[in-house]
Amino acid sequence: MLRIVGLECRYGKVAAVRNLSLEVNKGELVSLIGANGAGKTTTLKAISGVLAPSAGRIFFEGEDITRASARRVLELGIAHCPEGRRMFPYMTVRENLEMGSYLRRDKPGIDADMRRLYERFPILRERREQAAGTLSGGEQQMLAISRALMSRPKLVMFDEPSLGLAPNIVEHTFDIIRQVRAEGVTVIMVEQNALAALELSDRSYVLEQGSVTLTGTGQALLDDPHVKKAYLGA
């Protein structure tokens, strides 16, 4: 479904991603793990069209999207749930959800999807006319995930979904991601909680200094000595 070949991304003279290649198959949950500054978020930005690569190619369902606009990437079916949730804080919960569907023209389908999300997250229905900036961190994460799903994506990218959340909310967030994948949506997840990410993943890539250094199934990497020492505290 998604194939990246020889990706390089720079911020000025600094290469944040170097010669990175990876693949994501339809229906998989694939995680990217690594230390801060390893290039994980930069990789997601390149996929979503927010950051133009300096080299390499990105293909989605056979189409070269290396230089595609963020709008085109979303039209093709890739949604990005960014780090820090990035709500429109002065807009209501309902308006934030509507922003997630702004490229769609099927109003009955949009209304049905919104009802379905309200059923999944009753707190969002209760607070649908409340400003998003007044929600708790966990509620904002529910809204961020829901906003991404309102585009009816084929692939959704989660960047640090557990960041800043209480432990009980973290587990709930991972449960939601499991449900999203179970519903047939392909998932890429960047997550500092390496243990949780690997337990969730079909496959995972370890990024270090902008390059892939290890790849394998989630279970294989959980058993890998380097991963245990560097990321699992074992």
C-alpha atoms as a PDB file:
ATOM      1  CA  MET A   1       0.000   0.000   0.000  1.00  0.00           C
ATOM      2  CA  LEU A   2       2.719   2.490   1.036  1.00  0.00           C
ATOM      3  CA  ARG A   3       6.322   2.272  -0.145  1.00  0.00           C
ATOM      4  CA  ILE A   4       9.151   4.658   0.661  1.00  0.00           C
ATOM      5  CA  VAL A   5      12.489   4.374  -1.144  1.00  0.00           C
ATOM      6  CA  GLY A   6      15.660   6.225  -0.207  1.00  0.00           C
ATOM      7  CA  LEU A   7      13.904   9.093   1.569  1.00  0.00           C
ATOM      8  CA  GLU A   8      15.940  12.094   2.649  1.00  0.00           C
ATOM      9  CA  CYS A   9      14.492  15.109   4.444  1.00  0.00           C
ATOM     10  CA  ARG A  10      16.377  18.212   5.532  1.00  0.00           C
ATOM     11  CA  TYR A  11      15.820  21.205   7.740  1.00  0.00           C
ATOM     12  CA  GLY A  12      18.263  23.630   6.177  1.00  0.00           C
ATOM     13  CA  LYS A  13      21.650  21.897   6.103  1.00  0.00           C
ATOM     14  CA  VAL A  14      20.654  19.300   8.684  1.00  0.00           C
ATOM     15  CA  ALA A  15      19.506  15.907   7.384  1.00  0.00           C
ATOM     16  CA  ALA A  16      16.719  14.673   9.672  1.00  0.00           C
ATOM     17  CA  VAL A  17      16.037  11.545   7.570  1.00  0.00           C
ATOM     18  CA  ARG A  18      18.700   9.741   5.536  1.00  0.00           C
ATOM     19  CA  ASN A  19      18.197   7.041   2.904  1.00  0.00           C
ATOM     20  CA  LEU A  20      15.098   5.698   4.632  1.00  0.00           C
ATOM     21  CA  SER A  21      13.124   2.888   3.011  1.00  0.00           C
ATOM     22  CA  LEU A  22      10.057   1.122   4.385  1.00  0.00           C
ATOM     23  CA  GLU A  23       6.839  -0.565   3.334  1.00  0.00           C
ATOM     24  CA  VAL A  24       3.371  -0.776   4.847  1.00  0.00           C
ATOM     25  CA  ASN A  25       0.948  -3.406   3.584  1.00  0.00           C
ATOM     26  CA  LYS A  26      -2.805  -2.984   3.478  1.00  0.00           C
ATOM     27  CA  GLY A  27      -4.422  -3.762   6.810  1.00  0.00           C
ATOM     28  CA  GLU A  28      -1.206  -3.665   8.823  1.00  0.00           C
ATOM     29  CA  LEU A  29      -0.392  -1.722  11.958  1.00  0.00           C
ATOM     30  CA  VAL A  30       3.215  -0.601  11.584  1.00  0.00           C
ATOM     31  CA  SER A  31       5.082   1.411  14.201  1.00  0.00           C
ATOM     32  CA  LEU A  32       8.156   3.618  14.039  1.00  0.00           C
ATOM     33  CA  ILE A  33      10.153   3.690  17.257  1.00  0.00           C
ATOM     34  CA  GLY A  34      13.313   5.515  18.221  1.00  0.00           C
ATOM     35  CA  ALA A  35      14.703   8.281  20.389  1.00  0.00           C
ATOM     36  CA  ASN A  36      13.689  11.920  20.104  1.00  0.00           C
ATOM     37  CA  GLY A  37      15.217  13.386  16.959  1.00  0.00           C
ATOM     38  CA  ALA A  38      15.444  10.018  15.191  1.00  0.00           C
ATOM     39  CA  GLY A  39      13.332  11.239  12.252  1.00  0.00           C
ATOM     40  CA  LYS A  40      10.006   9.589  13.036  1.00  0.00           C
ATOM     41  CA  THR A  41       7.780  12.687  12.932  1.00  0.00           C
ATOM     42  CA  THR A  42       9.704  14.026   9.931  1.00  0.00           C
ATOM     43  CA  THR A  43       8.912  10.804   8.056  1.00  0.00           C
ATOM     44  CA  LEU A  44       5.185  11.226   8.736  1.00  0.00           C
ATOM     45  CA  LYS A  45       5.324  14.855   7.612  1.00  0.00           C
ATOM     46  CA  ALA A  46       6.933  13.797   4.342  1.00  0.00           C
ATOM     47  CA  ILE A  47       4.251  11.172   3.739  1.00  0.00           C
ATOM     48  CA  SER A  48       1.421  13.630   4.438  1.00  0.00           C
ATOM     49  CA  GLY A  49       2.807  16.294   2.093  1.00  0.00           C
ATOM     50  CA  VAL A  50       3.628  18.796   4.830  1.00  0.00           C
ATOM     51  CA  LEU A  51       7.393  18.527   4.236  1.00  0.00           C
ATOM     52  CA  ALA A  52       8.982  18.174   0.792  1.00  0.00           C
ATOM     53  CA  PRO A  53      11.716  15.504   0.679  1.00  0.00           C
ATOM     54  CA  SER A  54      15.123  16.447  -0.690  1.00  0.00           C
ATOM     55  CA  ALA A  55      15.593  12.972  -2.179  1.00  0.00           C
ATOM     56  CA  GLY A  56      13.848   9.615  -2.491  1.00  0.00           C
ATOM     57  CA  ARG A  57      10.363   8.551  -3.511  1.00  0.00           C
ATOM     58  CA  ILE A  58       7.055   7.887  -1.724  1.00  0.00           C
ATOM     59  CA  PHE A  59       4.405   5.701  -3.381  1.00  0.00           C
ATOM     60  CA  PHE A  60       0.830   5.145  -2.198  1.00  0.00           C
ATOM     61  CA  GLU A  61      -1.227   2.465  -3.939  1.00  0.00           C
ATOM     62  CA  GLY A  62       1.154   2.710  -6.876  1.00  0.00           C
ATOM     63  CA  GLU A  63       0.977   6.501  -7.249  1.00  0.00           C
ATOM     64  CA  ASP A  64       4.083   8.617  -6.717  1.00  0.00           C
ATOM     65  CA  ILE A  65       3.117  11.148  -4.025  1.00  0.00           C
ATOM     66  CA  THR A  66       6.632  12.419  -3.315  1.00  0.00           C
ATOM     67  CA  ARG A  67       5.750  15.966  -4.373  1.00  0.00           C
ATOM     68  CA  ALA A  68       2.001  15.774  -3.840  1.00  0.00           C
ATOM     69  CA  SER A  69       0.279  18.511  -1.865  1.00  0.00           C
ATOM     70  CA  ALA A  70      -1.171  17.778   1.565  1.00  0.00           C
ATOM     71  CA  ARG A  71      -4.613  18.183   0.016  1.00  0.00           C
ATOM     72  CA  ARG A  72      -3.883  15.578  -2.662  1.00  0.00           C
ATOM     73  CA  VAL A  73      -2.478  13.153  -0.085  1.00  0.00           C
ATOM     74  CA  LEU A  74      -5.674  13.486   1.967  1.00  0.00           C
ATOM     75  CA  GLU A  75      -7.803  13.019  -1.167  1.00  0.00           C
ATOM     76  CA  LEU A  76      -5.986   9.747  -1.850  1.00  0.00           C
ATOM     77  CA  GLY A  77      -6.899   8.466   1.619  1.00  0.00           C
ATOM     78  CA  ILE A  78      -4.036   9.266   4.007  1.00  0.00           C
ATOM     79  CA  ALA A  79      -5.009  11.033   7.246  1.00  0.00           C
ATOM     80  CA  HIS A  80      -2.539  12.429   9.778  1.00  0.00           C
ATOM     81  CA  CYS A  81      -3.324  12.625  13.489  1.00  0.00           C
ATOM     82  CA  PRO A  82      -0.428  14.891  14.529  1.00  0.00           C
ATOM     83  CA  GLU A  83       1.673  15.082  17.648  1.00  0.00           C
ATOM     84  CA  GLY A  84       0.094  17.358  20.248  1.00  0.00           C
ATOM     85  CA  ARG A  85      -3.391  16.811  18.753  1.00  0.00           C
ATOM     86  CA  ARG A  86      -3.447  20.263  17.071  1.00  0.00           C
ATOM     87  CA  MET A  87      -7.077  21.140  17.681  1.00  0.00           C
ATOM     88  CA  PHE A  88      -8.697  24.326  16.415  1.00  0.00           C
ATOM     89  CA  PRO A  89      -9.097  25.503  20.023  1.00  0.00           C
ATOM     90  CA  TYR A  90     -11.695  28.234  19.485  1.00  0.00           C
ATOM     91  CA  MET A  91     -13.885  26.075  17.255  1.00  0.00           C
ATOM     92  CA  THR A  92     -16.425  23.684  18.724  1.00  0.00           C
ATOM     93  CA  VAL A  93     -16.051  19.925  18.848  1.00  0.00           C
ATOM     94  CA  ARG A  94     -18.584  19.634  16.027  1.00  0.00           C
ATOM     95  CA  GLU A  95     -16.750  22.196  13.896  1.00  0.00           C
ATOM     96  CA  ASN A  96     -13.459  20.360  14.399  1.00  0.00           C
ATOM     97  CA  LEU A  97     -15.101  17.150  13.188  1.00  0.00           C
ATOM     98  CA  GLU A  98     -16.520  18.969  10.187  1.00  0.00           C
ATOM     99  CA  MET A  99     -13.007  20.157   9.337  1.00  0.00           C
ATOM    100  CA  GLY A 100     -11.975  16.517   9.129  1.00  0.00           C
ATOM    101  CA  SER A 101     -14.495  15.979   6.332  1.00  0.00           C
ATOM    102  CA  TYR A 102     -13.964  19.219   4.428  1.00  0.00           C
ATOM    103  CA  LEU A 103     -12.930  17.425   1.204  1.00  0.00           C
ATOM    104  CA  ARG A 104     -16.033  15.238   1.222  1.00  0.00           C
ATOM    105  CA  ARG A 105     -19.292  16.152  -0.510  1.00  0.00           C
ATOM    106  CA  ASP A 106     -21.513  13.282   0.672  1.00  0.00           C
ATOM    107  CA  LYS A 107     -23.493  15.037   3.418  1.00  0.00           C
ATOM    108  CA  PRO A 108     -25.581  11.981   4.389  1.00  0.00           C
ATOM    109  CA  GLY A 109     -22.383   9.972   4.780  1.00  0.00           C
ATOM    110  CA  ILE A 110     -20.733  12.749   6.780  1.00  0.00           C
ATOM    111  CA  ASP A 111     -23.736  12.950   9.113  1.00  0.00           C
ATOM    112  CA  ALA A 112     -23.749   9.158   9.534  1.00  0.00           C
ATOM    113  CA  ASP A 113     -20.029   9.089  10.331  1.00  0.00           C
ATOM    114  CA  MET A 114     -20.433  11.865  12.876  1.00  0.00           C
ATOM    115  CA  ARG A 115     -23.263   9.974  14.582  1.00  0.00           C
ATOM    116  CA  ARG A 116     -21.117   6.846  14.653  1.00  0.00           C
ATOM    117  CA  LEU A 117     -18.225   8.721  16.250  1.00  0.00           C
ATOM    118  CA  TYR A 118     -20.556  10.267  18.819  1.00  0.00           C
ATOM    119  CA  GLU A 119     -21.720   6.744  19.686  1.00  0.00           C
ATOM    120  CA  ARG A 120     -18.101   5.649  20.105  1.00  0.00           C
ATOM    121  CA  PHE A 121     -17.194   8.736  22.155  1.00  0.00           C
ATOM    122  CA  PRO A 122     -20.309   9.876  24.044  1.00  0.00           C
ATOM    123  CA  ILE A 123     -18.338  12.668  25.745  1.00  0.00           C
ATOM    124  CA  LEU A 124     -17.825  14.316  22.350  1.00  0.00           C
ATOM    125  CA  ARG A 125     -21.570  14.269  21.736  1.00  0.00           C
ATOM    126  CA  GLU A 126     -22.159  15.846  25.144  1.00  0.00           C
ATOM    127  CA  ARG A 127     -19.626  18.563  24.387  1.00  0.00           C
ATOM    128  CA  ARG A 128     -20.215  19.005  20.678  1.00  0.00           C
ATOM    129  CA  GLU A 129     -20.952  22.755  21.054  1.00  0.00           C
ATOM    130  CA  GLN A 130     -18.061  23.300  23.483  1.00  0.00           C
ATOM    131  CA  ALA A 131     -14.778  24.914  22.335  1.00  0.00           C
ATOM    132  CA  ALA A 132     -12.201  22.206  21.663  1.00  0.00           C
ATOM    133  CA  GLY A 133      -9.561  24.105  23.618  1.00  0.00           C
ATOM    134  CA  THR A 134     -11.516  23.617  26.843  1.00  0.00           C
ATOM    135  CA  LEU A 135     -11.452  19.797  26.634  1.00  0.00           C
ATOM    136  CA  SER A 136      -9.132  17.670  28.736  1.00  0.00           C
ATOM    137  CA  GLY A 137      -6.079  16.087  27.115  1.00  0.00           C
ATOM    138  CA  GLY A 138      -7.805  12.721  26.800  1.00  0.00           C
ATOM    139  CA  GLU A 139     -10.918  14.285  25.299  1.00  0.00           C
ATOM    140  CA  GLN A 140      -8.795  16.217  22.821  1.00  0.00           C
ATOM    141  CA  GLN A 141      -7.099  12.986  21.780  1.00  0.00           C
ATOM    142  CA  MET A 142     -10.514  11.394  21.164  1.00  0.00           C
ATOM    143  CA  LEU A 143     -11.412  14.417  19.064  1.00  0.00           C
ATOM    144  CA  ALA A 144      -8.132  14.325  17.119  1.00  0.00           C
ATOM    145  CA  ILE A 145      -8.636  10.653  16.270  1.00  0.00           C
ATOM    146  CA  SER A 146     -12.269  11.280  15.331  1.00  0.00           C
ATOM    147  CA  ARG A 147     -11.341  14.242  13.135  1.00  0.00           C
ATOM    148  CA  ALA A 148      -8.848  12.064  11.241  1.00  0.00           C
ATOM    149  CA  LEU A 149     -11.461   9.326  10.768  1.00  0.00           C
ATOM    150  CA  MET A 150     -13.997  11.820   9.386  1.00  0.00           C
ATOM    151  CA  SER A 151     -12.038  11.823   6.120  1.00  0.00           C
ATOM    152  CA  ARG A 152     -12.723   8.070   5.759  1.00  0.00           C
ATOM    153  CA  PRO A 153      -9.003   7.289   5.358  1.00  0.00           C
ATOM    154  CA  LYS A 154      -7.486   4.159   3.924  1.00  0.00           C
ATOM    155  CA  LEU A 155      -4.380   4.801   6.017  1.00  0.00           C
ATOM    156  CA  VAL A 156      -4.146   6.861   9.202  1.00  0.00           C
ATOM    157  CA  MET A 157      -0.911   8.024  10.820  1.00  0.00           C
ATOM    158  CA  PHE A 158      -0.810   8.544  14.586  1.00  0.00           C
ATOM    159  CA  ASP A 159       2.063  10.656  15.911  1.00  0.00           C
ATOM    160  CA  GLU A 160       2.710  10.156  19.640  1.00  0.00           C
ATOM    161  CA  PRO A 161      -0.926   9.355  20.526  1.00  0.00           C
ATOM    162  CA  SER A 162      -0.120   8.781  24.210  1.00  0.00           C
ATOM    163  CA  LEU A 163       1.862  11.999  24.699  1.00  0.00           C
ATOM    164  CA  GLY A 164       0.867  13.892  27.845  1.00  0.00           C
ATOM    165  CA  LEU A 165      -1.995  11.575  28.782  1.00  0.00           C
ATOM    166  CA  ALA A 166      -2.756   9.954  32.127  1.00  0.00           C
ATOM    167  CA  PRO A 167      -1.970   6.198  32.250  1.00  0.00           C
ATOM    168  CA  ASN A 168      -5.638   5.115  32.200  1.00  0.00           C
ATOM    169  CA  ILE A 169      -6.294   7.358  29.187  1.00  0.00           C
ATOM    170  CA  VAL A 170      -3.209   5.997  27.417  1.00  0.00           C
ATOM    171  CA  GLU A 171      -4.589   2.450  27.523  1.00  0.00           C
ATOM    172  CA  HIS A 172      -7.960   3.676  26.258  1.00  0.00           C
ATOM    173  CA  THR A 173      -6.220   5.475  23.383  1.00  0.00           C
ATOM    174  CA  PHE A 174      -4.365   2.311  22.375  1.00  0.00           C
ATOM    175  CA  ASP A 175      -7.658   0.399  22.508  1.00  0.00           C
ATOM    176  CA  ILE A 176      -9.129   2.920  20.065  1.00  0.00           C
ATOM    177  CA  ILE A 177      -6.187   2.423  17.701  1.00  0.00           C
ATOM    178  CA  ARG A 178      -6.720  -1.340  17.877  1.00  0.00           C
ATOM    179  CA  GLN A 179     -10.370  -0.806  16.945  1.00  0.00           C
ATOM    180  CA  VAL A 180      -9.452   1.457  14.032  1.00  0.00           C
ATOM    181  CA  ARG A 181      -7.132  -1.213  12.658  1.00  0.00           C
ATOM    182  CA  ALA A 182      -9.759  -3.936  13.260  1.00  0.00           C
ATOM    183  CA  GLU A 183     -12.199  -1.943  11.131  1.00  0.00           C
ATOM    184  CA  GLY A 184      -9.867  -2.325   8.140  1.00  0.00           C
ATOM    185  CA  VAL A 185      -7.930   0.933   8.273  1.00  0.00           C
ATOM    186  CA  THR A 186      -4.169   0.612   7.796  1.00  0.00           C
ATOM    187  CA  VAL A 187      -2.201   2.294  10.600  1.00  0.00           C
ATOM    188  CA  ILE A 188       1.249   3.835  10.988  1.00  0.00           C
ATOM    189  CA  MET A 189       2.075   4.845  14.537  1.00  0.00           C
ATOM    190  CA  VAL A 190       4.955   6.839  15.980  1.00  0.00           C
ATOM    191  CA  GLU A 191       5.129   6.238  19.711  1.00  0.00           C
ATOM    192  CA  GLN A 192       7.706   6.900  22.450  1.00  0.00           C
ATOM    193  CA  ASN A 193       6.212   4.078  24.544  1.00  0.00           C
ATOM    194  CA  ALA A 194       8.162   1.427  22.658  1.00  0.00           C
ATOM    195  CA  LEU A 195       6.771  -1.486  24.661  1.00  0.00           C
ATOM    196  CA  ALA A 196       3.156  -0.571  23.909  1.00  0.00           C
ATOM    197  CA  ALA A 197       3.962   0.198  20.271  1.00  0.00           C
ATOM    198  CA  LEU A 198       5.670  -3.134  19.669  1.00  0.00           C
ATOM    199  CA  GLU A 199       2.926  -5.078  21.441  1.00  0.00           C
ATOM    200  CA  LEU A 200       0.368  -3.428  19.140  1.00  0.00           C
ATOM    201  CA  SER A 201       2.317  -3.750  15.898  1.00  0.00           C
ATOM    202  CA  ASP A 202       2.374  -6.326  13.149  1.00  0.00           C
ATOM    203  CA  ARG A 203       5.756  -4.927  12.149  1.00  0.00           C
ATOM    204  CA  SER A 204       7.988  -2.141  13.340  1.00  0.00           C
ATOM    205  CA  TYR A 205      10.945  -0.068  12.174  1.00  0.00           C
ATOM    206  CA  VAL A 206      13.620   1.248  14.536  1.00  0.00           C
ATOM    207  CA  LEU A 207      14.932   4.660  13.484  1.00  0.00           C
ATOM    208  CA  GLU A 208      18.239   6.000  14.734  1.00  0.00           C
ATOM    209  CA  GLN A 209      19.752   9.278  13.531  1.00  0.00           C
ATOM    210  CA  GLY A 210      17.350   9.438  10.609  1.00  0.00           C
ATOM    211  CA  SER A 211      17.878   5.932   9.262  1.00  0.00           C
ATOM    212  CA  VAL A 212      16.252   2.526   9.705  1.00  0.00           C
ATOM    213  CA  THR A 213      18.587   0.331  11.753  1.00  0.00           C
ATOM    214  CA  LEU A 214      16.274  -2.580  12.563  1.00  0.00           C
ATOM    215  CA  THR A 215      12.994  -3.954  11.287  1.00  0.00           C
ATOM    216  CA  GLY A 216      10.883  -6.966  12.117  1.00  0.00           C
ATOM    217  CA  THR A 217       7.648  -8.108  13.668  1.00  0.00           C
ATOM    218  CA  GLY A 218       6.610  -6.467  16.891  1.00  0.00           C
ATOM    219  CA  GLN A 219       7.360  -9.658  18.802  1.00  0.00           C
ATOM    220  CA  ALA A 220      10.773 -10.120  17.163  1.00  0.00           C
ATOM    221  CA  LEU A 221      11.837  -6.621  18.161  1.00  0.00           C
ATOM    222  CA  LEU A 222      10.514  -7.113  21.694  1.00  0.00           C
ATOM    223  CA  ASP A 223      12.966 -10.022  21.921  1.00  0.00           C
ATOM    224  CA  ASP A 224      15.862  -8.169  20.264  1.00  0.00           C
ATOM    225  CA  PRO A 225      18.749  -7.458  22.709  1.00  0.00           C
ATOM    226  CA  HIS A 226      19.496  -3.988  21.299  1.00  0.00           C
ATOM    227  CA  VAL A 227      15.855  -2.939  21.451  1.00  0.00           C
ATOM    228  CA  LYS A 228      15.539  -4.274  24.989  1.00  0.00           C
ATOM    229  CA  LYS A 229      18.587  -2.311  26.135  1.00  0.00           C
ATOM    230  CA  ALA A 230      17.949   0.935  24.222  1.00  0.00           C
ATOM    231  CA  TYR A 231      14.156   1.259  24.358  1.00  0.00           C
ATOM    232  CA  LEU A 232      12.653  -1.149  26.870  1.00  0.00           C
ATOM    233  CA  GLY A 233      14.933  -0.550  29.835  1.00  0.00           C
ATOM    234  CA  ALA A 234      15.845  -4.224  30.066  1.00  0.00           C
END
